Amino acid sequence: MTISIYQIDAFTARAFAGNPAAVVPLDAPADADWMQSLAAEMNLSETAFVWPRAGDDDAWGLRWFTPKREVRLCGHATLASAHLLWESGRIEPGRTAEFATLSGRLRCRRREDGAIAMDFPARVPTLAAAPPGLDDALGTAVVACAVSSEDLLVEVADTRTVRELAPRIERIGELPARGLIVTATADADSGADFVSRFFAPRYGVPEDPVTGSAHCVLAPYWGEKLGRLELVGFQLSARGGRVEVAWRGDRVEIAGRALTIFRGELAAAALPGAD
């Protein structure tokens, strides 16, 4: 048995930017402990496993693992998985890539401009009081705070504040949330509407370079504030990434580009069931 593994940069059109994801195409579902072990070995924010579903010609199975645990939704590794299925010929050009996941059916389509648009569930946040000590953990004042189904979102003063933020990661890991989204309006000449960063130390990801699932929260948050449904976000991590969003009620379309960086094969000792 041979299993290939690919590293793909998502939400970027150039190598060594955006968010790298490992993608592992399988013939059938694998043991969860093995998938988690491989994700820990890769030590990227996400490793995705994708396989054709028996008796389901329309969808592929898809699961995502951080170095520490499985997650219910991941944007950049879904983008990377769809990119690989088209690039490798596993899905014909022009066909939609559809995935069966813990967050339901997710669909991806290739746009004429080469970007990949993903249909994801919206996670509309609700304004809430900031948890005690959050200002201290961030090292800056919080303008507004909101909660979604999994994440905590805080708005801060401006783009510069987001860019220069140096939070106390151990304190962020104590928050009762999957992760912390920090956001602000973008500078007028930036070509974006809002900026963000994302921290998820509880999941083994101190800072995620570009977080598609966070934009399921950011799209409705900024859509309501700015009065527009179609927006552009830029994630201000060291690698950086541009994310186009369109809020459609209970769904969000998230679009970006992807680029394959390398392909390798797992050694026999790393295959499922190896001693």
C-alpha atoms as a PDB file:
ATOM      1  CA  MET A   1       0.000   0.000   0.000  1.00  0.00           C
ATOM      2  CA  THR A   2       1.213   3.486  -0.895  1.00  0.00           C
ATOM      3  CA  ILE A   3      -0.099   6.674   0.683  1.00  0.00           C
ATOM      4  CA  SER A   4       0.931  10.053  -0.670  1.00  0.00           C
ATOM      5  CA  ILE A   5       0.960  13.272   1.322  1.00  0.00           C
ATOM      6  CA  TYR A   6       0.875  16.756  -0.142  1.00  0.00           C
ATOM      7  CA  GLN A   7       1.665  20.136   1.342  1.00  0.00           C
ATOM      8  CA  ILE A   8      -0.436  22.903  -0.166  1.00  0.00           C
ATOM      9  CA  ASP A   9      -0.366  26.626   0.578  1.00  0.00           C
ATOM     10  CA  ALA A  10      -3.924  27.972   0.804  1.00  0.00           C
ATOM     11  CA  PHE A  11      -5.270  31.515   0.500  1.00  0.00           C
ATOM     12  CA  THR A  12      -2.296  32.566  -1.578  1.00  0.00           C
ATOM     13  CA  ALA A  13      -1.167  32.625  -5.205  1.00  0.00           C
ATOM     14  CA  ARG A  14       2.550  32.427  -4.361  1.00  0.00           C
ATOM     15  CA  ALA A  15       4.634  29.815  -2.616  1.00  0.00           C
ATOM     16  CA  PHE A  16       5.520  30.036   1.076  1.00  0.00           C
ATOM     17  CA  ALA A  17       2.669  32.388   1.937  1.00  0.00           C
ATOM     18  CA  GLY A  18      -0.916  31.849   3.069  1.00  0.00           C
ATOM     19  CA  ASN A  19      -1.597  28.842   5.274  1.00  0.00           C
ATOM     20  CA  PRO A  20       0.113  25.479   4.623  1.00  0.00           C
ATOM     21  CA  ALA A  21      -2.044  22.381   4.963  1.00  0.00           C
ATOM     22  CA  ALA A  22      -1.112  18.738   4.623  1.00  0.00           C
ATOM     23  CA  VAL A  23      -3.592  16.752   2.514  1.00  0.00           C
ATOM     24  CA  VAL A  24      -3.649  12.950   2.553  1.00  0.00           C
ATOM     25  CA  PRO A  25      -5.825  11.238  -0.096  1.00  0.00           C
ATOM     26  CA  LEU A  26      -6.982   7.805   1.066  1.00  0.00           C
ATOM     27  CA  ASP A  27      -8.872   4.946  -0.544  1.00  0.00           C
ATOM     28  CA  ALA A  28     -11.134   4.600   2.494  1.00  0.00           C
ATOM     29  CA  PRO A  29     -11.498   6.102   5.997  1.00  0.00           C
ATOM     30  CA  ALA A  30      -8.551   5.463   8.329  1.00  0.00           C
ATOM     31  CA  ASP A  31      -8.349   4.967  12.073  1.00  0.00           C
ATOM     32  CA  ALA A  32      -8.748   8.267  13.917  1.00  0.00           C
ATOM     33  CA  ASP A  33      -5.762   7.619  16.198  1.00  0.00           C
ATOM     34  CA  TRP A  34      -3.532   7.101  13.159  1.00  0.00           C
ATOM     35  CA  MET A  35      -4.812  10.298  11.529  1.00  0.00           C
ATOM     36  CA  GLN A  36      -4.197  12.237  14.738  1.00  0.00           C
ATOM     37  CA  SER A  37      -0.673  10.817  15.028  1.00  0.00           C
ATOM     38  CA  LEU A  38       0.150  11.817  11.460  1.00  0.00           C
ATOM     39  CA  ALA A  39      -1.241  15.313  12.056  1.00  0.00           C
ATOM     40  CA  ALA A  40       0.947  15.652  15.148  1.00  0.00           C
ATOM     41  CA  GLU A  41       3.947  14.525  13.076  1.00  0.00           C
ATOM     42  CA  MET A  42       3.213  17.097  10.360  1.00  0.00           C
ATOM     43  CA  ASN A  43       2.810  19.803  13.036  1.00  0.00           C
ATOM     44  CA  LEU A  44       0.888  22.123  10.724  1.00  0.00           C
ATOM     45  CA  SER A  45      -2.233  23.909  11.880  1.00  0.00           C
ATOM     46  CA  GLU A  46      -4.297  21.334   9.943  1.00  0.00           C
ATOM     47  CA  THR A  47      -3.821  17.989   8.224  1.00  0.00           C
ATOM     48  CA  ALA A  48      -6.761  16.930   6.039  1.00  0.00           C
ATOM     49  CA  PHE A  49      -7.727  13.382   5.102  1.00  0.00           C
ATOM     50  CA  VAL A  50      -9.964  12.867   2.073  1.00  0.00           C
ATOM     51  CA  TRP A  51     -11.405   9.707   0.524  1.00  0.00           C
ATOM     52  CA  PRO A  52     -14.160   8.648  -1.924  1.00  0.00           C
ATOM     53  CA  ARG A  53     -17.312   7.663  -0.055  1.00  0.00           C
ATOM     54  CA  ALA A  54     -18.614   4.190  -0.905  1.00  0.00           C
ATOM     55  CA  GLY A  55     -22.032   4.444  -2.551  1.00  0.00           C
ATOM     56  CA  ASP A  56     -21.904   8.248  -2.683  1.00  0.00           C
ATOM     57  CA  ASP A  57     -20.790   9.477  -6.078  1.00  0.00           C
ATOM     58  CA  ASP A  58     -21.398  13.108  -5.173  1.00  0.00           C
ATOM     59  CA  ALA A  59     -19.230  13.612  -2.090  1.00  0.00           C
ATOM     60  CA  TRP A  60     -15.832  12.823  -0.645  1.00  0.00           C
ATOM     61  CA  GLY A  61     -15.248  12.174   3.028  1.00  0.00           C
ATOM     62  CA  LEU A  62     -13.151  14.850   4.710  1.00  0.00           C
ATOM     63  CA  ARG A  63     -11.738  15.157   8.229  1.00  0.00           C
ATOM     64  CA  TRP A  64      -9.344  17.733   9.678  1.00  0.00           C
ATOM     65  CA  PHE A  65      -6.857  17.368  12.538  1.00  0.00           C
ATOM     66  CA  THR A  66      -4.671  19.920  14.302  1.00  0.00           C
ATOM     67  CA  PRO A  67      -1.525  18.624  16.058  1.00  0.00           C
ATOM     68  CA  LYS A  68      -3.707  18.079  19.149  1.00  0.00           C
ATOM     69  CA  ARG A  69      -7.255  17.195  18.109  1.00  0.00           C
ATOM     70  CA  GLU A  70      -9.886  16.857  15.416  1.00  0.00           C
ATOM     71  CA  VAL A  71     -11.875  19.967  14.472  1.00  0.00           C
ATOM     72  CA  ARG A  72     -15.407  20.356  13.165  1.00  0.00           C
ATOM     73  CA  LEU A  73     -14.632  22.910  10.463  1.00  0.00           C
ATOM     74  CA  CYS A  74     -11.516  24.091   8.636  1.00  0.00           C
ATOM     75  CA  GLY A  75     -11.354  26.462   5.710  1.00  0.00           C
ATOM     76  CA  HIS A  76      -7.792  26.437   4.439  1.00  0.00           C
ATOM     77  CA  ALA A  77      -7.455  22.625   4.483  1.00  0.00           C
ATOM     78  CA  THR A  78     -10.791  22.306   2.633  1.00  0.00           C
ATOM     79  CA  LEU A  79      -9.496  24.750   0.037  1.00  0.00           C
ATOM     80  CA  ALA A  80      -6.282  22.713  -0.211  1.00  0.00           C
ATOM     81  CA  SER A  81      -8.208  19.434  -0.515  1.00  0.00           C
ATOM     82  CA  ALA A  82     -10.436  20.710  -3.316  1.00  0.00           C
ATOM     83  CA  HIS A  83      -7.382  22.120  -5.112  1.00  0.00           C
ATOM     84  CA  LEU A  84      -5.651  18.739  -4.937  1.00  0.00           C
ATOM     85  CA  LEU A  85      -8.671  16.757  -6.164  1.00  0.00           C
ATOM     86  CA  TRP A  86      -8.906  18.928  -9.270  1.00  0.00           C
ATOM     87  CA  GLU A  87      -5.159  19.175  -9.836  1.00  0.00           C
ATOM     88  CA  SER A  88      -4.677  15.388  -9.575  1.00  0.00           C
ATOM     89  CA  GLY A  89      -7.630  14.557 -11.836  1.00  0.00           C
ATOM     90  CA  ARG A  90      -9.614  12.868  -9.086  1.00  0.00           C
ATOM     91  CA  ILE A  91     -12.414  15.321  -9.891  1.00  0.00           C
ATOM     92  CA  GLU A  92     -13.000  16.427 -13.464  1.00  0.00           C
ATOM     93  CA  PRO A  93     -12.504  20.099 -14.339  1.00  0.00           C
ATOM     94  CA  GLY A  94     -15.782  21.991 -14.112  1.00  0.00           C
ATOM     95  CA  ARG A  95     -17.325  19.632 -11.551  1.00  0.00           C
ATOM     96  CA  THR A  96     -18.101  20.772  -8.026  1.00  0.00           C
ATOM     97  CA  ALA A  97     -16.051  19.310  -5.195  1.00  0.00           C
ATOM     98  CA  GLU A  98     -18.436  18.196  -2.461  1.00  0.00           C
ATOM     99  CA  PHE A  99     -17.375  16.975   0.978  1.00  0.00           C
ATOM    100  CA  ALA A 100     -19.220  15.149   3.747  1.00  0.00           C
ATOM    101  CA  THR A 101     -17.881  16.531   7.035  1.00  0.00           C
ATOM    102  CA  LEU A 102     -18.711  17.027  10.709  1.00  0.00           C
ATOM    103  CA  SER A 103     -20.198  20.384   9.648  1.00  0.00           C
ATOM    104  CA  GLY A 104     -22.428  18.864   6.978  1.00  0.00           C
ATOM    105  CA  ARG A 105     -21.996  19.027   3.215  1.00  0.00           C
ATOM    106  CA  LEU A 106     -19.472  21.585   2.005  1.00  0.00           C
ATOM    107  CA  ARG A 107     -19.228  22.476  -1.667  1.00  0.00           C
ATOM    108  CA  CYS A 108     -16.353  24.056  -3.563  1.00  0.00           C
ATOM    109  CA  ARG A 109     -16.357  25.436  -7.086  1.00  0.00           C
ATOM    110  CA  ARG A 110     -13.607  26.752  -9.312  1.00  0.00           C
ATOM    111  CA  ARG A 111     -14.208  30.292 -10.478  1.00  0.00           C
ATOM    112  CA  GLU A 112     -13.207  31.515 -13.918  1.00  0.00           C
ATOM    113  CA  ASP A 113     -10.439  33.632 -12.373  1.00  0.00           C
ATOM    114  CA  GLY A 114      -8.808  30.518 -10.853  1.00  0.00           C
ATOM    115  CA  ALA A 115      -9.926  31.091  -7.264  1.00  0.00           C
ATOM    116  CA  ILE A 116     -11.812  28.422  -5.352  1.00  0.00           C
ATOM    117  CA  ALA A 117     -15.116  29.439  -3.719  1.00  0.00           C
ATOM    118  CA  MET A 118     -16.298  27.382  -0.736  1.00  0.00           C
ATOM    119  CA  ASP A 119     -19.873  27.211   0.571  1.00  0.00           C
ATOM    120  CA  PHE A 120     -19.648  27.142   4.387  1.00  0.00           C
ATOM    121  CA  PRO A 121     -22.091  27.579   7.282  1.00  0.00           C
ATOM    122  CA  ALA A 122     -22.331  31.107   8.678  1.00  0.00           C
ATOM    123  CA  ARG A 123     -21.530  31.460  12.375  1.00  0.00           C
ATOM    124  CA  VAL A 124     -23.261  34.714  13.238  1.00  0.00           C
ATOM    125  CA  PRO A 125     -21.724  36.124  16.437  1.00  0.00           C
ATOM    126  CA  THR A 126     -23.632  37.687  19.310  1.00  0.00           C
ATOM    127  CA  LEU A 127     -22.323  40.725  21.162  1.00  0.00           C
ATOM    128  CA  ALA A 128     -21.257  39.856  24.698  1.00  0.00           C
ATOM    129  CA  ALA A 129     -19.269  41.204  27.615  1.00  0.00           C
ATOM    130  CA  ALA A 130     -15.535  40.605  27.354  1.00  0.00           C
ATOM    131  CA  PRO A 131     -14.249  37.895  29.714  1.00  0.00           C
ATOM    132  CA  PRO A 132     -12.414  39.264  32.764  1.00  0.00           C
ATOM    133  CA  GLY A 133      -8.734  39.884  32.067  1.00  0.00           C
ATOM    134  CA  LEU A 134      -9.055  39.846  28.281  1.00  0.00           C
ATOM    135  CA  ASP A 135      -7.538  43.327  27.876  1.00  0.00           C
ATOM    136  CA  ASP A 136      -4.542  42.192  29.907  1.00  0.00           C
ATOM    137  CA  ALA A 137      -4.164  38.961  27.926  1.00  0.00           C
ATOM    138  CA  LEU A 138      -4.234  40.897  24.654  1.00  0.00           C
ATOM    139  CA  GLY A 139      -2.147  43.813  25.811  1.00  0.00           C
ATOM    140  CA  THR A 140      -4.641  46.278  24.329  1.00  0.00           C
ATOM    141  CA  ALA A 141      -8.140  47.616  24.915  1.00  0.00           C
ATOM    142  CA  VAL A 142     -11.148  45.754  23.486  1.00  0.00           C
ATOM    143  CA  VAL A 143     -13.581  47.878  21.444  1.00  0.00           C
ATOM    144  CA  ALA A 144     -16.251  45.177  21.156  1.00  0.00           C
ATOM    145  CA  CYS A 145     -16.610  41.486  21.972  1.00  0.00           C
ATOM    146  CA  ALA A 146     -18.828  38.817  20.439  1.00  0.00           C
ATOM    147  CA  VAL A 147     -19.234  35.055  20.729  1.00  0.00           C
ATOM    148  CA  SER A 148     -20.004  32.479  18.054  1.00  0.00           C
ATOM    149  CA  SER A 149     -20.696  28.764  18.344  1.00  0.00           C
ATOM    150  CA  GLU A 150     -16.998  27.999  18.907  1.00  0.00           C
ATOM    151  CA  ASP A 151     -14.906  31.154  18.875  1.00  0.00           C
ATOM    152  CA  LEU A 152     -14.560  34.451  20.694  1.00  0.00           C
ATOM    153  CA  LEU A 153     -14.252  37.571  18.518  1.00  0.00           C
ATOM    154  CA  VAL A 154     -12.821  40.881  19.723  1.00  0.00           C
ATOM    155  CA  GLU A 155     -12.629  44.101  17.780  1.00  0.00           C
ATOM    156  CA  VAL A 156      -9.719  46.411  18.548  1.00  0.00           C
ATOM    157  CA  ALA A 157      -8.890  49.980  17.590  1.00  0.00           C
ATOM    158  CA  ASP A 158      -7.266  49.700  14.170  1.00  0.00           C
ATOM    159  CA  THR A 159      -5.127  47.741  11.710  1.00  0.00           C
ATOM    160  CA  ARG A 160      -1.893  48.708  13.424  1.00  0.00           C
ATOM    161  CA  THR A 161      -3.154  47.318  16.722  1.00  0.00           C
ATOM    162  CA  VAL A 162      -3.966  43.984  15.080  1.00  0.00           C
ATOM    163  CA  ARG A 163      -0.611  43.829  13.299  1.00  0.00           C
ATOM    164  CA  GLU A 164       1.472  44.654  16.378  1.00  0.00           C
ATOM    165  CA  LEU A 165      -0.527  42.542  18.813  1.00  0.00           C
ATOM    166  CA  ALA A 166       1.636  40.356  21.066  1.00  0.00           C
ATOM    167  CA  PRO A 167      -0.878  38.500  23.238  1.00  0.00           C
ATOM    168  CA  ARG A 168      -0.036  36.268  26.176  1.00  0.00           C
ATOM    169  CA  ILE A 169      -0.685  32.955  24.460  1.00  0.00           C
ATOM    170  CA  GLU A 170      -0.963  30.984  27.700  1.00  0.00           C
ATOM    171  CA  ARG A 171      -3.784  33.306  28.809  1.00  0.00           C
ATOM    172  CA  ILE A 172      -5.531  32.983  25.446  1.00  0.00           C
ATOM    173  CA  GLY A 173      -5.476  29.209  25.960  1.00  0.00           C
ATOM    174  CA  GLU A 174      -7.524  29.649  29.147  1.00  0.00           C
ATOM    175  CA  LEU A 175     -10.460  31.266  27.329  1.00  0.00           C
ATOM    176  CA  PRO A 176     -13.620  29.111  27.032  1.00  0.00           C
ATOM    177  CA  ALA A 177     -13.473  28.963  23.230  1.00  0.00           C
ATOM    178  CA  ARG A 178     -11.858  27.047  20.383  1.00  0.00           C
ATOM    179  CA  GLY A 179      -9.946  30.179  19.458  1.00  0.00           C
ATOM    180  CA  LEU A 180      -9.747  33.949  19.589  1.00  0.00           C
ATOM    181  CA  ILE A 181     -10.385  36.135  16.531  1.00  0.00           C
ATOM    182  CA  VAL A 182      -8.917  39.638  16.778  1.00  0.00           C
ATOM    183  CA  THR A 183     -10.149  42.061  14.131  1.00  0.00           C
ATOM    184  CA  ALA A 184     -10.366  45.704  13.058  1.00  0.00           C
ATOM    185  CA  THR A 185     -11.327  47.753  10.029  1.00  0.00           C
ATOM    186  CA  ALA A 186      -8.660  47.760   7.323  1.00  0.00           C
ATOM    187  CA  ASP A 187      -6.703  50.838   6.321  1.00  0.00           C
ATOM    188  CA  ALA A 188      -8.407  52.764   3.526  1.00  0.00           C
ATOM    189  CA  ASP A 189      -5.688  52.076   0.940  1.00  0.00           C
ATOM    190  CA  SER A 190      -5.174  48.385   1.751  1.00  0.00           C
ATOM    191  CA  GLY A 191      -7.598  46.811  -0.720  1.00  0.00           C
ATOM    192  CA  ALA A 192      -9.368  45.030   2.151  1.00  0.00           C
ATOM    193  CA  ASP A 193     -12.388  45.839   4.304  1.00  0.00           C
ATOM    194  CA  PHE A 194     -11.187  44.270   7.542  1.00  0.00           C
ATOM    195  CA  VAL A 195      -8.123  42.583   8.991  1.00  0.00           C
ATOM    196  CA  SER A 196      -7.778  39.807  11.530  1.00  0.00           C
ATOM    197  CA  ARG A 197      -5.544  37.369  13.376  1.00  0.00           C
ATOM    198  CA  PHE A 198      -6.508  34.039  14.941  1.00  0.00           C
ATOM    199  CA  PHE A 199      -5.118  32.264  18.009  1.00  0.00           C
ATOM    200  CA  ALA A 200      -6.031  28.706  19.063  1.00  0.00           C
ATOM    201  CA  PRO A 201      -3.438  27.444  21.575  1.00  0.00           C
ATOM    202  CA  ARG A 202      -5.925  24.983  23.107  1.00  0.00           C
ATOM    203  CA  TYR A 203      -5.820  23.153  19.776  1.00  0.00           C
ATOM    204  CA  GLY A 204      -2.051  23.236  19.410  1.00  0.00           C
ATOM    205  CA  VAL A 205      -2.096  26.283  17.117  1.00  0.00           C
ATOM    206  CA  PRO A 206      -0.628  29.332  18.897  1.00  0.00           C
ATOM    207  CA  GLU A 207      -1.393  31.459  15.824  1.00  0.00           C
ATOM    208  CA  ASP A 208      -2.990  30.245  12.613  1.00  0.00           C
ATOM    209  CA  PRO A 209      -1.619  31.934   9.466  1.00  0.00           C
ATOM    210  CA  VAL A 210      -4.954  32.214   7.583  1.00  0.00           C
ATOM    211  CA  THR A 211      -8.194  30.860   9.033  1.00  0.00           C
ATOM    212  CA  GLY A 212     -11.092  30.176   6.670  1.00  0.00           C
ATOM    213  CA  SER A 213     -13.468  29.068   9.424  1.00  0.00           C
ATOM    214  CA  ALA A 214     -12.900  32.325  11.337  1.00  0.00           C
ATOM    215  CA  HIS A 215     -14.312  34.132   8.306  1.00  0.00           C
ATOM    216  CA  CYS A 216     -17.606  32.299   8.874  1.00  0.00           C
ATOM    217  CA  VAL A 217     -17.792  34.621  11.908  1.00  0.00           C
ATOM    218  CA  LEU A 218     -16.064  37.656  10.420  1.00  0.00           C
ATOM    219  CA  ALA A 219     -18.305  37.846   7.332  1.00  0.00           C
ATOM    220  CA  PRO A 220     -21.574  38.380   9.249  1.00  0.00           C
ATOM    221  CA  TYR A 221     -19.864  40.525  11.894  1.00  0.00           C
ATOM    222  CA  TRP A 222     -18.444  43.006   9.380  1.00  0.00           C
ATOM    223  CA  GLY A 223     -21.364  42.556   7.000  1.00  0.00           C
ATOM    224  CA  GLU A 224     -23.704  43.936   9.640  1.00  0.00           C
ATOM    225  CA  LYS A 225     -21.309  46.715  10.689  1.00  0.00           C
ATOM    226  CA  LEU A 226     -20.435  47.875   7.182  1.00  0.00           C
ATOM    227  CA  GLY A 227     -23.803  47.184   5.565  1.00  0.00           C
ATOM    228  CA  ARG A 228     -22.374  45.052   2.750  1.00  0.00           C
ATOM    229  CA  LEU A 229     -22.610  41.352   1.973  1.00  0.00           C
ATOM    230  CA  GLU A 230     -19.440  40.996  -0.112  1.00  0.00           C
ATOM    231  CA  LEU A 231     -16.174  41.871   1.605  1.00  0.00           C
ATOM    232  CA  VAL A 232     -12.437  41.239   1.504  1.00  0.00           C
ATOM    233  CA  GLY A 233     -10.458  40.301   4.591  1.00  0.00           C
ATOM    234  CA  PHE A 234      -6.725  40.104   5.108  1.00  0.00           C
ATOM    235  CA  GLN A 235      -5.218  37.998   7.878  1.00  0.00           C
ATOM    236  CA  LEU A 236      -2.193  39.778   9.296  1.00  0.00           C
ATOM    237  CA  SER A 237      -0.067  36.795  10.306  1.00  0.00           C
ATOM    238  CA  ALA A 238       3.606  36.627   9.367  1.00  0.00           C
ATOM    239  CA  ARG A 239       2.680  34.709   6.169  1.00  0.00           C
ATOM    240  CA  GLY A 240      -0.495  36.679   5.464  1.00  0.00           C
ATOM    241  CA  GLY A 241      -3.478  35.765   3.330  1.00  0.00           C
ATOM    242  CA  ARG A 242      -6.316  37.368   1.388  1.00  0.00           C
ATOM    243  CA  VAL A 243      -9.837  35.999   1.897  1.00  0.00           C
ATOM    244  CA  GLU A 244     -12.906  37.013  -0.120  1.00  0.00           C
ATOM    245  CA  VAL A 245     -16.244  36.511   1.629  1.00  0.00           C
ATOM    246  CA  ALA A 246     -19.898  36.804   0.667  1.00  0.00           C
ATOM    247  CA  TRP A 247     -22.497  36.503   3.430  1.00  0.00           C
ATOM    248  CA  ARG A 248     -25.650  34.683   2.283  1.00  0.00           C
ATOM    249  CA  GLY A 249     -27.827  34.417   5.393  1.00  0.00           C
ATOM    250  CA  ASP A 250     -27.055  31.071   6.994  1.00  0.00           C
ATOM    251  CA  ARG A 251     -24.161  30.433   4.578  1.00  0.00           C
ATOM    252  CA  VAL A 252     -20.899  32.197   3.779  1.00  0.00           C
ATOM    253  CA  GLU A 253     -18.982  31.883   0.526  1.00  0.00           C
ATOM    254  CA  ILE A 254     -15.244  32.002   1.226  1.00  0.00           C
ATOM    255  CA  ALA A 255     -12.841  32.265  -1.699  1.00  0.00           C
ATOM    256  CA  GLY A 256      -9.103  32.077  -2.195  1.00  0.00           C
ATOM    257  CA  ARG A 257      -6.337  30.426  -4.177  1.00  0.00           C
ATOM    258  CA  ALA A 258      -4.028  27.487  -3.478  1.00  0.00           C
ATOM    259  CA  LEU A 259      -0.663  26.189  -4.647  1.00  0.00           C
ATOM    260  CA  THR A 260       0.900  22.736  -4.247  1.00  0.00           C
ATOM    261  CA  ILE A 261       4.372  22.922  -2.669  1.00  0.00           C
ATOM    262  CA  PHE A 262       5.460  19.281  -2.560  1.00  0.00           C
ATOM    263  CA  ARG A 263       4.360  15.661  -2.649  1.00  0.00           C
ATOM    264  CA  GLY A 264       5.857  12.743  -0.734  1.00  0.00           C
ATOM    265  CA  GLU A 265       5.049   9.154   0.206  1.00  0.00           C
ATOM    266  CA  LEU A 266       4.704   7.697   3.663  1.00  0.00           C
ATOM    267  CA  ALA A 267       7.271   5.035   4.560  1.00  0.00           C
ATOM    268  CA  ALA A 268       6.033   1.540   5.389  1.00  0.00           C
ATOM    269  CA  ALA A 269       6.547   2.160   9.110  1.00  0.00           C
ATOM    270  CA  ALA A 270       4.105   5.104   8.975  1.00  0.00           C
ATOM    271  CA  LEU A 271       1.248   3.321   7.209  1.00  0.00           C
ATOM    272  CA  PRO A 272      -1.966   2.450   9.058  1.00  0.00           C
ATOM    273  CA  GLY A 273      -1.599  -0.771  11.029  1.00  0.00           C
ATOM    274  CA  ALA A 274       2.201  -0.776  10.942  1.00  0.00           C
ATOM    275  CA  ASP A 275       3.892  -2.003  14.113  1.00  0.00           C
END
